[in-house]
Amino acid sequence: MEQYNWNDIPEEQVNPLMTRKVIQMPGVRVLQLQFKKGAVVPVHHHLDEQITMVCSGALRFESNGRAVILHSGDVLRVPSDLPHSAEALEDSTSTEIFIAPTS
């Protein structure tokens, strides 16, 4: 077993409105993200499957013309290689899990 504590993980400034902390494990990354209202994650895609769990605030995700708004307690699965974007509708935090594809 390996134990981690978010207080021990260095914070990275992604852009002026967003910070993150990353725990890297074999095949899995776990991120703690802090968004200021108005933060935007532009359209992107990745091979990893993404699970987003909103801890506080509200995030708007969009993919292929479909939008969903997530609030505290909501969980969203983003399949591998699906183009998507996100916007913070208010100050928000989320925990995100990225699972590498298996061969």
Protein backbone atom coordinates (compact mmCIF):
# COMPACT_ATOMS: atom_id res chain seq x y z
CA MET A 1 0.00 0.00 0.00
CA GLU A 2 1.06 3.56 -0.64
CA GLN A 3 -0.42 6.55 1.19
CA TYR A 4 -0.57 10.08 -0.21
CA ASN A 5 -1.68 13.37 1.34
CA TRP A 6 -2.75 16.30 -0.83
CA ASN A 7 -1.05 18.68 1.62
CA ASP A 8 2.31 17.13 0.65
CA ILE A 9 1.78 17.38 -3.13
CA PRO A 10 3.21 20.51 -4.81
CA GLU A 11 0.69 22.79 -6.50
CA GLU A 12 1.23 23.72 -10.16
CA GLN A 13 -0.18 26.88 -11.75
CA VAL A 14 -1.83 25.70 -14.99
CA ASN A 15 -3.00 29.18 -16.00
CA PRO A 16 -4.01 32.34 -14.10
CA LEU A 17 -7.39 30.80 -13.13
CA MET A 18 -6.43 27.17 -12.50
CA THR A 19 -4.07 25.15 -10.29
CA ARG A 20 -3.53 21.43 -9.94
CA LYS A 21 -1.86 18.80 -7.80
CA VAL A 22 -0.90 15.48 -9.41
CA ILE A 23 -0.31 12.03 -7.97
CA GLN A 24 1.23 9.72 -10.57
CA MET A 25 0.94 5.95 -10.22
CA PRO A 26 1.49 3.17 -12.76
CA GLY A 27 -1.39 3.42 -15.25
CA VAL A 28 -3.28 6.03 -13.21
CA ARG A 29 -3.02 9.75 -12.48
CA VAL A 30 -5.09 11.45 -9.80
CA LEU A 31 -5.47 15.23 -9.96
CA GLN A 32 -6.86 17.77 -7.54
CA LEU A 33 -7.91 20.85 -9.53
CA GLN A 34 -8.83 24.33 -8.29
CA PHE A 35 -10.71 26.60 -10.71
CA LYS A 36 -11.56 30.27 -10.40
CA LYS A 37 -14.84 31.31 -11.98
CA GLY A 38 -14.34 31.71 -15.73
CA ALA A 39 -11.45 29.24 -16.03
CA VAL A 40 -11.58 27.42 -19.35
CA VAL A 41 -10.03 24.13 -20.40
CA PRO A 42 -10.07 24.30 -24.20
CA VAL A 43 -11.21 21.42 -26.41
CA HIS A 44 -8.76 18.55 -26.13
CA HIS A 45 -8.68 14.76 -26.06
CA HIS A 46 -6.44 12.09 -24.58
CA LEU A 47 -6.10 8.33 -24.69
CA ASP A 48 -6.71 8.06 -20.94
CA GLU A 49 -10.26 7.54 -19.71
CA GLN A 50 -11.21 10.42 -17.39
CA ILE A 51 -13.40 10.38 -14.31
CA THR A 52 -14.25 13.83 -12.93
CA MET A 53 -15.73 14.21 -9.45
CA VAL A 54 -16.84 17.73 -8.54
CA CYS A 55 -16.09 18.53 -4.90
CA SER A 56 -17.42 22.11 -4.86
CA GLY A 57 -18.75 24.70 -7.26
CA ALA A 58 -20.06 24.09 -10.77
CA LEU A 59 -18.33 22.99 -13.97
CA ARG A 60 -19.73 22.92 -17.50
CA PHE A 61 -18.39 20.17 -19.76
CA GLU A 62 -19.08 20.11 -23.49
CA SER A 63 -18.48 17.41 -26.09
CA ASN A 64 -19.86 17.00 -29.60
CA GLY A 65 -22.40 19.80 -29.08
CA ARG A 66 -23.73 18.30 -25.83
CA ALA A 67 -23.24 20.19 -22.56
CA VAL A 68 -23.63 19.00 -18.98
CA ILE A 69 -23.36 21.04 -15.81
CA LEU A 70 -21.84 19.31 -12.81
CA HIS A 71 -22.25 20.38 -9.20
CA SER A 72 -20.79 19.16 -5.93
CA GLY A 73 -21.22 15.39 -5.71
CA ASP A 74 -21.62 14.85 -9.46
CA VAL A 75 -19.35 12.42 -11.33
CA LEU A 76 -18.67 12.44 -15.08
CA ARG A 77 -16.97 9.76 -17.19
CA VAL A 78 -15.17 10.97 -20.31
CA PRO A 79 -14.29 8.02 -22.56
CA SER A 80 -10.89 7.63 -24.15
CA ASP A 81 -10.15 9.95 -27.10
CA LEU A 82 -13.41 11.96 -26.81
CA PRO A 83 -12.90 15.68 -27.59
CA HIS A 84 -14.21 17.78 -24.70
CA SER A 85 -13.87 21.15 -22.99
CA ALA A 86 -14.70 22.54 -19.56
CA GLU A 87 -15.56 25.88 -17.98
CA ALA A 88 -15.83 26.86 -14.32
CA LEU A 89 -19.21 28.53 -13.78
CA GLU A 90 -18.10 29.49 -10.26
CA ASP A 91 -15.05 28.90 -8.09
CA SER A 92 -14.77 25.10 -8.09
CA THR A 93 -12.69 22.11 -7.08
CA SER A 94 -12.60 18.66 -8.60
CA THR A 95 -10.78 15.39 -8.25
CA GLU A 96 -9.97 13.74 -11.56
CA ILE A 97 -8.75 10.24 -12.26
CA PHE A 98 -7.03 9.40 -15.55
CA ILE A 99 -6.80 5.69 -16.38
CA ALA A 100 -4.33 4.66 -19.06
CA PRO A 101 -5.61 2.26 -21.70
CA THR A 102 -4.52 -1.32 -21.30
CA SER A 103 -2.98 -3.17 -24.20
